[in-house]
Each structure stands twice: as structure tokens, then as C-alpha cells.
């Protein structure tokens, strides 16, 4: 019983220290800065802690953060990530996950 309890506590301690940091850097459409930056408390850049059990989930969270549903507000995004303080890269070894984002042509640079 003590071995199971020790293993459980060890798992919890690793989970408690696992940290996925996703950094957002938005480029707003002209005149739309306040709206575009609202998701970062009015700032152009911010870092959000995402739920992730491992480095791969952290990378997935960074990739998903590239989605841009407000194409008339946010011109583009640069998304980078760190897993437990270590920089992680995309599937093609790029720091900016949005360079690999499959919908970037449809969702970026669409300001009117």
C-alpha cells in the first residue's frame, strides 16, 4: 500500500511542476488594436498557462492558439511555447507555431 501511495504522490508532484507556457504576440488590423489585444488584457503580447500533461500536448495547445476567428480584427499572430521552461518548436522545428498553421492563408492578413 505504501508503494502505491508513494507512486501516486510522485505522479502528483510531477504534474504540479509541469508547465505549458504559450506566448501570444498579435498584430492588429489598423485601428483595431484595442479589440485585438483585449485577449491579452490590452497588451500586444502575453503568456498564458495552458493545461498539458506532456510536451506534445503543450505543442498542440500552441498550434491551436494560432486559430484566428477575428480576421477583421487580428491581422496575424506569432505563437511560441515553453514546456517546463524549455522552448519547444513546431513539427517542422519552427519557433513560431503559426508558420505551420494550415489555415494561416485563410485566417491571416485579411484586414479590410
Protein backbone atom coordinates (compact mmCIF):
# COMPACT_ATOMS: atom_id res chain seq x y z
CA UNK A 1 0.00 0.00 0.00
CA UNK A 2 2.81 2.42 0.82
CA UNK A 3 4.37 1.82 -2.61
CA UNK A 4 1.11 2.72 -4.36
CA UNK A 5 0.71 5.83 -2.24
CA UNK A 6 4.30 6.86 -2.92
CA UNK A 7 3.85 6.34 -6.67
CA UNK A 8 0.63 8.37 -6.61
CA UNK A 9 2.26 11.23 -4.72
CA UNK A 10 5.24 11.19 -7.05
CA UNK A 11 2.90 11.43 -10.05
CA UNK A 12 1.11 14.36 -8.43
CA UNK A 13 4.37 16.14 -7.75
CA UNK A 14 5.45 15.82 -11.40
CA UNK A 15 2.04 17.08 -12.57
CA UNK A 16 2.21 20.03 -10.21
CA UNK A 17 5.51 21.13 -11.74
CA UNK A 18 4.55 20.55 -15.37
CA UNK A 19 4.01 23.89 -17.01
CA UNK A 20 3.00 24.80 -20.55
CA UNK A 21 3.51 28.49 -21.33
CA UNK A 22 2.05 29.74 -24.60
CA UNK A 23 3.19 33.19 -25.68
CA UNK A 24 0.85 35.24 -27.87
CA UNK A 25 2.09 38.14 -29.99
CA UNK A 26 -0.72 39.67 -32.02
CA UNK A 27 -0.57 42.06 -34.95
CA UNK A 28 -3.81 44.00 -35.10
CA UNK A 29 -5.62 45.29 -38.13
CA UNK A 30 -5.21 49.07 -38.41
CA UNK A 31 -7.36 50.83 -35.83
CA UNK A 32 -8.38 47.56 -34.14
CA UNK A 33 -5.57 47.36 -31.57
CA UNK A 34 -7.84 47.64 -28.51
CA UNK A 35 -10.09 44.81 -29.71
CA UNK A 36 -7.24 42.60 -30.90
CA UNK A 37 -5.22 42.98 -27.72
CA UNK A 38 -8.21 42.56 -25.38
CA UNK A 39 -7.50 38.84 -25.02
CA UNK A 40 -4.12 39.82 -23.50
CA UNK A 41 -5.58 42.40 -21.12
CA UNK A 42 -4.94 45.19 -23.63
CA UNK A 43 -1.34 44.23 -24.37
CA UNK A 44 0.14 43.20 -27.72
CA UNK A 45 1.86 40.20 -26.14
CA UNK A 46 1.10 37.95 -23.22
CA UNK A 47 1.82 34.48 -21.90
CA UNK A 48 -0.93 32.10 -20.87
CA UNK A 49 -0.54 28.88 -18.93
CA UNK A 50 -2.25 26.06 -20.80
CA UNK A 51 -3.33 22.68 -19.50
CA UNK A 52 -0.97 19.99 -20.78
CA UNK A 53 0.16 16.66 -19.42
CA UNK A 54 3.32 16.49 -21.54
CA UNK A 55 5.40 18.36 -24.11
CA UNK A 56 3.32 17.07 -27.03
CA UNK A 57 0.10 18.41 -25.52
CA UNK A 58 1.85 21.73 -24.96
CA UNK A 59 2.84 21.83 -28.63
CA UNK A 60 -0.75 21.04 -29.60
CA UNK A 61 -2.01 23.88 -27.41
CA UNK A 62 0.42 26.29 -29.08
CA UNK A 63 -0.64 25.17 -32.56
CA UNK A 64 -4.35 25.55 -31.69
CA UNK A 65 -3.64 29.06 -30.35
CA UNK A 66 -2.89 30.12 -33.93
CA UNK A 67 -6.57 29.93 -34.86
CA UNK A 68 -7.88 33.38 -35.79
CA UNK A 69 -11.66 33.72 -35.86
CA UNK A 70 -11.45 37.53 -35.79
CA UNK A 71 -9.87 38.04 -39.21
CA UNK A 72 -11.11 41.63 -39.46
CA UNK A 73 -9.58 42.47 -36.04
CA UNK A 74 -6.35 40.48 -35.74
CA UNK A 75 -4.09 40.51 -38.79
CA UNK A 76 -1.78 37.73 -37.60
CA UNK A 77 -0.26 36.01 -34.58
CA UNK A 78 3.12 34.72 -33.57
CA UNK A 79 2.76 31.85 -31.10
CA UNK A 80 5.71 30.37 -29.23
CA UNK A 81 5.73 27.94 -26.32
CA UNK A 82 7.75 26.59 -23.43
CA UNK A 83 7.34 23.28 -21.65
CA UNK A 84 8.73 23.37 -18.11
CA UNK A 85 10.81 26.42 -19.05
CA UNK A 86 12.32 24.83 -22.18
CA UNK A 87 11.44 26.30 -25.56
CA UNK A 88 9.53 23.87 -27.77
CA UNK A 89 9.22 24.01 -31.54
CA UNK A 90 6.66 23.01 -34.14
CA UNK A 91 6.61 19.77 -36.12
CA UNK A 92 8.91 21.41 -38.67
CA UNK A 93 11.22 22.86 -36.00
CA UNK A 94 9.91 26.43 -36.13
CA UNK A 95 9.70 28.63 -33.04
CA UNK A 96 6.52 30.27 -34.37
CA UNK A 97 3.84 27.59 -34.46
CA UNK A 98 1.71 29.73 -36.78
CA UNK A 99 4.21 29.27 -39.60
CA UNK A 100 2.94 25.67 -39.78
CA UNK A 101 -0.73 26.54 -39.17
CA UNK A 102 -2.68 25.01 -42.05
CA UNK A 103 -5.32 27.78 -42.13
CA UNK A 104 -2.92 30.74 -41.99
CA UNK A 105 -3.61 31.75 -45.59
CA UNK A 106 -7.35 31.84 -44.91
CA UNK A 107 -7.17 33.46 -41.47
CA UNK A 108 -4.18 35.84 -41.54
CA UNK A 109 -3.65 39.10 -43.42
CA UNK A 110 -7.38 39.57 -44.14
CA UNK A 111 -7.79 43.08 -42.75
CA UNK A 112 -10.13 45.35 -44.67
